[in-house]
Amino acid sequence: MSTLAAIMLTCAVGVVAQLKPSTSLIVLPKITQFVRRLSVMNKTELVKELANSSGMTQKGSALWLDTFQDVVAKALISGDSVDIMGFGSFFLKKREACIKLVFGVETDIPASKSVGFKPGKTLKDAVN
């Protein structure tokens, strides 16, 4: 969480503490949801950062990022994983069909696929 987001959350919690209990239950989740959005880098911001860091234009950075996404998606669709040494690995996770109890009723859950990401040691060390 960025410093700005942390300050905003602290101020918001202080304001919410002064409200009636029933009102604070409604307001606090909306405030925390807003603060979470402040601390996320979206695609436009990533493209700008790539352009600033690499000396490329923003168009070039956007093209590179789109190409990277396409290459990773095609590899995963074909059943391959993508390993970037030090950064991490993208892989396909397969979930079998099953039956689960939802509110006491048996519900069929169809088989599905999702993308997994396991960070590499260099990325883990940089974050910690």
N, C-alpha and C. Protein backbone atom coordinates (compact mmCIF):
# COMPACT_ATOMS: atom_id res chain seq x y z
N MET A 1 0.85 -1.17 0.00
CA MET A 1 0.00 0.00 0.00
C MET A 1 0.90 1.23 0.00
N SER A 2 0.58 2.19 -0.84
CA SER A 2 1.39 3.40 -0.92
C SER A 2 1.18 4.25 0.32
N THR A 3 2.10 5.19 0.54
CA THR A 3 2.01 6.07 1.70
C THR A 3 0.73 6.90 1.64
N LEU A 4 0.40 7.42 0.45
CA LEU A 4 -0.81 8.22 0.29
C LEU A 4 -2.05 7.39 0.65
N ALA A 5 -2.09 6.16 0.18
CA ALA A 5 -3.22 5.29 0.48
C ALA A 5 -3.32 5.02 1.98
N ALA A 6 -2.19 4.81 2.63
CA ALA A 6 -2.19 4.54 4.07
C ALA A 6 -2.69 5.76 4.84
N ILE A 7 -2.27 6.95 4.44
CA ILE A 7 -2.72 8.18 5.11
C ILE A 7 -4.22 8.36 4.92
N MET A 8 -4.69 8.15 3.69
CA MET A 8 -6.12 8.30 3.41
C MET A 8 -6.94 7.30 4.21
N LEU A 9 -6.46 6.07 4.32
CA LEU A 9 -7.18 5.05 5.08
C LEU A 9 -7.22 5.41 6.56
N THR A 10 -6.11 5.92 7.10
CA THR A 10 -6.07 6.33 8.50
C THR A 10 -7.06 7.45 8.77
N CYS A 11 -7.09 8.46 7.89
CA CYS A 11 -8.04 9.57 8.04
C CYS A 11 -9.47 9.07 7.93
N ALA A 12 -9.72 8.19 6.98
CA ALA A 12 -11.08 7.67 6.78
C ALA A 12 -11.54 6.89 7.99
N VAL A 13 -10.66 6.08 8.58
CA VAL A 13 -11.04 5.30 9.75
C VAL A 13 -11.35 6.24 10.91
N GLY A 14 -10.59 7.34 11.03
CA GLY A 14 -10.87 8.33 12.07
C GLY A 14 -12.24 8.97 11.90
N VAL A 15 -12.59 9.28 10.66
CA VAL A 15 -13.91 9.86 10.38
C VAL A 15 -15.01 8.85 10.66
N VAL A 16 -14.81 7.63 10.22
CA VAL A 16 -15.81 6.57 10.40
C VAL A 16 -16.03 6.28 11.87
N ALA A 17 -14.98 6.38 12.69
CA ALA A 17 -15.09 6.10 14.12
C ALA A 17 -16.06 7.07 14.80
N GLN A 18 -16.22 8.26 14.20
CA GLN A 18 -17.11 9.26 14.79
C GLN A 18 -18.56 9.08 14.34
N LEU A 19 -18.82 8.19 13.39
CA LEU A 19 -20.17 7.96 12.90
C LEU A 19 -20.90 6.96 13.78
N LYS A 20 -22.20 6.86 13.57
CA LYS A 20 -22.99 5.85 14.27
C LYS A 20 -22.52 4.47 13.82
N PRO A 21 -22.57 3.47 14.69
CA PRO A 21 -22.12 2.12 14.31
C PRO A 21 -22.79 1.59 13.04
N SER A 22 -24.09 1.83 12.88
CA SER A 22 -24.77 1.30 11.70
C SER A 22 -24.28 1.97 10.42
N THR A 23 -23.93 3.26 10.48
CA THR A 23 -23.43 3.98 9.31
C THR A 23 -22.01 3.54 8.97
N SER A 24 -21.18 3.32 10.00
CA SER A 24 -19.79 2.96 9.74
C SER A 24 -19.67 1.60 9.04
N LEU A 25 -20.63 0.70 9.28
CA LEU A 25 -20.60 -0.60 8.61
C LEU A 25 -20.82 -0.45 7.11
N ILE A 26 -21.52 0.59 6.71
CA ILE A 26 -21.78 0.83 5.29
C ILE A 26 -20.63 1.59 4.64
N VAL A 27 -20.08 2.58 5.34
CA VAL A 27 -19.09 3.49 4.77
C VAL A 27 -17.70 2.87 4.70
N LEU A 28 -17.27 2.15 5.74
CA LEU A 28 -15.91 1.65 5.81
C LEU A 28 -15.53 0.73 4.64
N PRO A 29 -16.35 -0.25 4.24
CA PRO A 29 -15.96 -1.08 3.09
C PRO A 29 -15.77 -0.27 1.81
N LYS A 30 -16.60 0.75 1.60
CA LYS A 30 -16.47 1.57 0.39
C LYS A 30 -15.17 2.36 0.42
N ILE A 31 -14.78 2.87 1.60
CA ILE A 31 -13.54 3.63 1.72
C ILE A 31 -12.34 2.73 1.49
N THR A 32 -12.33 1.54 2.09
CA THR A 32 -11.19 0.64 1.91
C THR A 32 -11.09 0.18 0.46
N GLN A 33 -12.22 0.00 -0.21
CA GLN A 33 -12.20 -0.37 -1.62
C GLN A 33 -11.58 0.75 -2.46
N PHE A 34 -11.92 2.00 -2.14
CA PHE A 34 -11.36 3.15 -2.85
C PHE A 34 -9.86 3.24 -2.63
N VAL A 35 -9.41 3.05 -1.38
CA VAL A 35 -7.99 3.14 -1.07
C VAL A 35 -7.20 2.04 -1.75
N ARG A 36 -7.78 0.82 -1.85
CA ARG A 36 -7.10 -0.27 -2.54
C ARG A 36 -6.85 0.09 -4.00
N ARG A 37 -7.82 0.76 -4.63
CA ARG A 37 -7.66 1.14 -6.03
C ARG A 37 -6.53 2.16 -6.21
N LEU A 38 -6.26 2.98 -5.18
CA LEU A 38 -5.18 3.97 -5.27
C LEU A 38 -3.81 3.31 -5.33
N SER A 39 -3.67 2.12 -4.78
CA SER A 39 -2.37 1.48 -4.68
C SER A 39 -2.12 0.44 -5.77
N VAL A 40 -2.91 0.46 -6.84
CA VAL A 40 -2.76 -0.49 -7.94
C VAL A 40 -2.25 0.24 -9.18
N MET A 41 -1.23 -0.33 -9.83
CA MET A 41 -0.73 0.25 -11.07
C MET A 41 -1.52 -0.35 -12.22
N ASN A 42 -2.18 0.50 -13.01
CA ASN A 42 -2.94 -0.01 -14.15
C ASN A 42 -2.05 -0.07 -15.39
N LYS A 43 -2.61 -0.51 -16.51
CA LYS A 43 -1.83 -0.72 -17.73
C LYS A 43 -1.24 0.59 -18.25
N THR A 44 -2.01 1.68 -18.21
CA THR A 44 -1.51 2.97 -18.69
C THR A 44 -0.31 3.42 -17.88
N GLU A 45 -0.39 3.28 -16.55
CA GLU A 45 0.73 3.66 -15.69
C GLU A 45 1.94 2.76 -15.92
N LEU A 46 1.70 1.48 -16.17
CA LEU A 46 2.80 0.56 -16.45
C LEU A 46 3.49 0.93 -17.76
N VAL A 47 2.71 1.26 -18.77
CA VAL A 47 3.29 1.67 -20.06
C VAL A 47 4.14 2.92 -19.89
N LYS A 48 3.65 3.90 -19.13
CA LYS A 48 4.43 5.13 -18.88
C LYS A 48 5.72 4.81 -18.16
N GLU A 49 5.65 3.94 -17.16
CA GLU A 49 6.85 3.58 -16.40
C GLU A 49 7.85 2.82 -17.27
N LEU A 50 7.35 1.92 -18.12
CA LEU A 50 8.24 1.21 -19.05
C LEU A 50 8.93 2.20 -19.99
N ALA A 51 8.16 3.17 -20.49
CA ALA A 51 8.72 4.17 -21.41
C ALA A 51 9.79 5.00 -20.70
N ASN A 52 9.51 5.44 -19.49
CA ASN A 52 10.47 6.26 -18.74
C ASN A 52 11.74 5.47 -18.40
N SER A 53 11.58 4.21 -18.02
CA SER A 53 12.72 3.40 -17.60
C SER A 53 13.58 2.94 -18.77
N SER A 54 12.95 2.68 -19.92
CA SER A 54 13.70 2.11 -21.04
C SER A 54 14.13 3.12 -22.08
N GLY A 55 13.55 4.32 -22.06
CA GLY A 55 13.87 5.30 -23.09
C GLY A 55 13.05 5.10 -24.35
N MET A 56 12.14 4.13 -24.34
CA MET A 56 11.25 3.90 -25.48
C MET A 56 10.12 4.93 -25.44
N THR A 57 9.41 5.03 -26.55
CA THR A 57 8.21 5.87 -26.55
C THR A 57 7.09 5.11 -25.84
N GLN A 58 6.04 5.83 -25.49
CA GLN A 58 4.90 5.15 -24.86
C GLN A 58 4.23 4.21 -25.85
N LYS A 59 4.20 4.58 -27.14
CA LYS A 59 3.63 3.69 -28.15
C LYS A 59 4.44 2.40 -28.24
N GLY A 60 5.76 2.54 -28.24
CA GLY A 60 6.63 1.38 -28.30
C GLY A 60 6.48 0.49 -27.07
N SER A 61 6.37 1.12 -25.90
CA SER A 61 6.18 0.36 -24.67
C SER A 61 4.84 -0.36 -24.66
N ALA A 62 3.80 0.31 -25.15
CA ALA A 62 2.47 -0.32 -25.22
C ALA A 62 2.49 -1.50 -26.18
N LEU A 63 3.18 -1.34 -27.32
CA LEU A 63 3.29 -2.43 -28.29
C LEU A 63 4.05 -3.61 -27.68
N TRP A 64 5.14 -3.31 -26.97
CA TRP A 64 5.92 -4.37 -26.32
C TRP A 64 5.06 -5.12 -25.31
N LEU A 65 4.31 -4.38 -24.48
CA LEU A 65 3.48 -5.01 -23.45
C LEU A 65 2.38 -5.86 -24.07
N ASP A 66 1.74 -5.36 -25.12
CA ASP A 66 0.70 -6.14 -25.82
C ASP A 66 1.29 -7.41 -26.43
N THR A 67 2.47 -7.29 -27.03
CA THR A 67 3.14 -8.47 -27.61
C THR A 67 3.49 -9.48 -26.54
N PHE A 68 4.00 -9.00 -25.41
CA PHE A 68 4.33 -9.89 -24.29
C PHE A 68 3.09 -10.64 -23.82
N GLN A 69 1.97 -9.94 -23.67
CA GLN A 69 0.73 -10.58 -23.25
C GLN A 69 0.29 -11.64 -24.27
N ASP A 70 0.39 -11.32 -25.56
CA ASP A 70 0.00 -12.27 -26.60
C ASP A 70 0.87 -13.52 -26.58
N VAL A 71 2.17 -13.33 -26.44
CA VAL A 71 3.10 -14.47 -26.45
C VAL A 71 2.84 -15.38 -25.24
N VAL A 72 2.64 -14.78 -24.07
CA VAL A 72 2.37 -15.58 -22.87
C VAL A 72 1.04 -16.31 -23.02
N ALA A 73 0.00 -15.62 -23.51
CA ALA A 73 -1.31 -16.26 -23.69
C ALA A 73 -1.24 -17.42 -24.67
N LYS A 74 -0.55 -17.25 -25.81
CA LYS A 74 -0.43 -18.32 -26.80
C LYS A 74 0.31 -19.52 -26.22
N ALA A 75 1.36 -19.26 -25.44
CA ALA A 75 2.10 -20.36 -24.83
C ALA A 75 1.22 -21.13 -23.85
N LEU A 76 0.44 -20.41 -23.04
CA LEU A 76 -0.42 -21.07 -22.06
C LEU A 76 -1.54 -21.84 -22.75
N ILE A 77 -2.10 -21.29 -23.82
CA ILE A 77 -3.16 -21.97 -24.57
C ILE A 77 -2.64 -23.28 -25.16
N SER A 78 -1.39 -23.26 -25.60
CA SER A 78 -0.82 -24.48 -26.19
C SER A 78 -0.34 -25.47 -25.14
N GLY A 79 -0.46 -25.12 -23.85
CA GLY A 79 -0.09 -26.05 -22.79
C GLY A 79 1.30 -25.86 -22.23
N ASP A 80 2.03 -24.87 -22.72
CA ASP A 80 3.38 -24.61 -22.21
C ASP A 80 3.32 -23.65 -21.03
N SER A 81 4.37 -23.66 -20.22
CA SER A 81 4.51 -22.64 -19.19
C SER A 81 5.57 -21.65 -19.66
N VAL A 82 5.57 -20.46 -19.09
CA VAL A 82 6.54 -19.43 -19.46
C VAL A 82 7.37 -19.13 -18.21
N ASP A 83 8.67 -19.43 -18.29
CA ASP A 83 9.57 -19.21 -17.16
C ASP A 83 10.52 -18.07 -17.50
N ILE A 84 10.50 -17.02 -16.69
CA ILE A 84 11.41 -15.90 -16.85
C ILE A 84 12.32 -15.92 -15.63
N MET A 85 13.56 -16.33 -15.84
CA MET A 85 14.50 -16.54 -14.75
C MET A 85 14.60 -15.29 -13.88
N GLY A 86 14.40 -15.47 -12.59
CA GLY A 86 14.49 -14.37 -11.64
C GLY A 86 13.18 -13.62 -11.45
N PHE A 87 12.33 -13.60 -12.46
CA PHE A 87 11.05 -12.88 -12.36
C PHE A 87 9.94 -13.81 -11.88
N GLY A 88 9.74 -14.91 -12.62
CA GLY A 88 8.72 -15.85 -12.21
C GLY A 88 8.25 -16.74 -13.34
N SER A 89 7.24 -17.55 -13.05
CA SER A 89 6.70 -18.50 -14.02
C SER A 89 5.20 -18.35 -14.14
N PHE A 90 4.74 -18.30 -15.38
CA PHE A 90 3.31 -18.33 -15.68
C PHE A 90 2.98 -19.76 -16.07
N PHE A 91 1.89 -20.30 -15.53
CA PHE A 91 1.52 -21.68 -15.85
C PHE A 91 0.01 -21.81 -15.83
N LEU A 92 -0.47 -22.89 -16.44
CA LEU A 92 -1.90 -23.16 -16.51
C LEU A 92 -2.30 -24.10 -15.39
N LYS A 93 -3.34 -23.73 -14.64
CA LYS A 93 -3.87 -24.59 -13.58
C LYS A 93 -5.20 -25.15 -14.06
N LYS A 94 -5.34 -26.47 -13.94
CA LYS A 94 -6.59 -27.12 -14.35
C LYS A 94 -7.33 -27.57 -13.11
N ARG A 95 -8.61 -27.26 -13.06
CA ARG A 95 -9.44 -27.66 -11.94
C ARG A 95 -10.47 -28.65 -12.45
N GLU A 96 -10.54 -29.80 -11.81
CA GLU A 96 -11.49 -30.84 -12.20
C GLU A 96 -12.92 -30.44 -11.82
N ALA A 97 -13.88 -31.00 -12.55
CA ALA A 97 -15.29 -30.80 -12.20
C ALA A 97 -15.56 -31.46 -10.86
N CYS A 98 -16.44 -30.86 -10.07
CA CYS A 98 -16.76 -31.44 -8.77
C CYS A 98 -18.17 -31.02 -8.36
N ILE A 99 -18.61 -31.59 -7.27
CA ILE A 99 -19.92 -31.24 -6.70
C ILE A 99 -19.66 -30.66 -5.32
N LYS A 100 -20.19 -29.47 -5.05
CA LYS A 100 -20.01 -28.82 -3.75
C LYS A 100 -21.36 -28.51 -3.15
N LEU A 101 -21.38 -28.46 -1.84
CA LEU A 101 -22.58 -28.05 -1.13
C LEU A 101 -22.59 -26.53 -1.01
N VAL A 102 -23.60 -25.88 -1.54
CA VAL A 102 -23.77 -24.44 -1.42
C VAL A 102 -25.11 -24.20 -0.76
N PHE A 103 -25.09 -23.67 0.45
CA PHE A 103 -26.31 -23.45 1.23
C PHE A 103 -27.14 -24.72 1.35
N GLY A 104 -26.46 -25.86 1.54
CA GLY A 104 -27.15 -27.12 1.73
C GLY A 104 -27.64 -27.79 0.47
N VAL A 105 -27.36 -27.20 -0.70
CA VAL A 105 -27.80 -27.77 -1.97
C VAL A 105 -26.56 -28.19 -2.76
N GLU A 106 -26.60 -29.41 -3.31
CA GLU A 106 -25.48 -29.87 -4.13
C GLU A 106 -25.46 -29.08 -5.44
N THR A 107 -24.29 -28.53 -5.75
CA THR A 107 -24.13 -27.73 -6.96
C THR A 107 -23.00 -28.30 -7.79
N ASP A 108 -23.24 -28.50 -9.08
CA ASP A 108 -22.19 -28.97 -9.99
C ASP A 108 -21.27 -27.81 -10.35
N ILE A 109 -20.00 -27.99 -10.13
CA ILE A 109 -18.99 -27.00 -10.50
C ILE A 109 -18.27 -27.57 -11.71
N PRO A 110 -18.35 -26.90 -12.87
CA PRO A 110 -17.70 -27.45 -14.07
C PRO A 110 -16.18 -27.35 -14.00
N ALA A 111 -15.52 -28.15 -14.80
CA ALA A 111 -14.06 -28.08 -14.89
C ALA A 111 -13.67 -26.72 -15.45
N SER A 112 -12.53 -26.21 -15.01
CA SER A 112 -12.09 -24.90 -15.49
C SER A 112 -10.57 -24.82 -15.52
N LYS A 113 -10.09 -23.80 -16.18
CA LYS A 113 -8.66 -23.52 -16.25
C LYS A 113 -8.43 -22.10 -15.76
N SER A 114 -7.29 -21.87 -15.13
CA SER A 114 -6.91 -20.52 -14.74
C SER A 114 -5.41 -20.38 -14.88
N VAL A 115 -4.94 -19.16 -14.87
CA VAL A 115 -3.52 -18.89 -15.01
C VAL A 115 -2.91 -18.72 -13.63
N GLY A 116 -1.80 -19.36 -13.43
CA GLY A 116 -1.07 -19.22 -12.17
C GLY A 116 0.23 -18.49 -12.40
N PHE A 117 0.73 -17.86 -11.35
CA PHE A 117 2.01 -17.17 -11.42
C PHE A 117 2.76 -17.47 -10.14
N LYS A 118 4.00 -17.94 -10.29
CA LYS A 118 4.86 -18.19 -9.13
C LYS A 118 6.07 -17.27 -9.25
N PRO A 119 6.23 -16.33 -8.30
CA PRO A 119 7.35 -15.40 -8.40
C PRO A 119 8.69 -16.10 -8.23
N GLY A 120 9.69 -15.59 -8.94
CA GLY A 120 11.04 -16.12 -8.83
C GLY A 120 11.77 -15.55 -7.63
N LYS A 121 12.93 -16.10 -7.32
CA LYS A 121 13.68 -15.70 -6.14
C LYS A 121 14.10 -14.24 -6.19
N THR A 122 14.53 -13.75 -7.34
CA THR A 122 14.96 -12.37 -7.45
C THR A 122 13.82 -11.41 -7.16
N LEU A 123 12.63 -11.72 -7.69
CA LEU A 123 11.45 -10.89 -7.45
C LEU A 123 11.05 -10.95 -5.98
N LYS A 124 11.06 -12.14 -5.39
CA LYS A 124 10.73 -12.27 -3.97
C LYS A 124 11.68 -11.45 -3.11
N ASP A 125 12.98 -11.55 -3.41
CA ASP A 125 13.98 -10.82 -2.63
C ASP A 125 13.82 -9.31 -2.80
N ALA A 126 13.46 -8.85 -3.99
CA ALA A 126 13.28 -7.41 -4.25
C ALA A 126 12.09 -6.88 -3.46
N VAL A 127 11.04 -7.67 -3.34
CA VAL A 127 9.83 -7.23 -2.63
C VAL A 127 10.06 -7.23 -1.12
N ASN A 128 10.81 -8.21 -0.65
CA ASN A 128 11.07 -8.28 0.80
C ASN A 128 12.25 -7.43 1.09
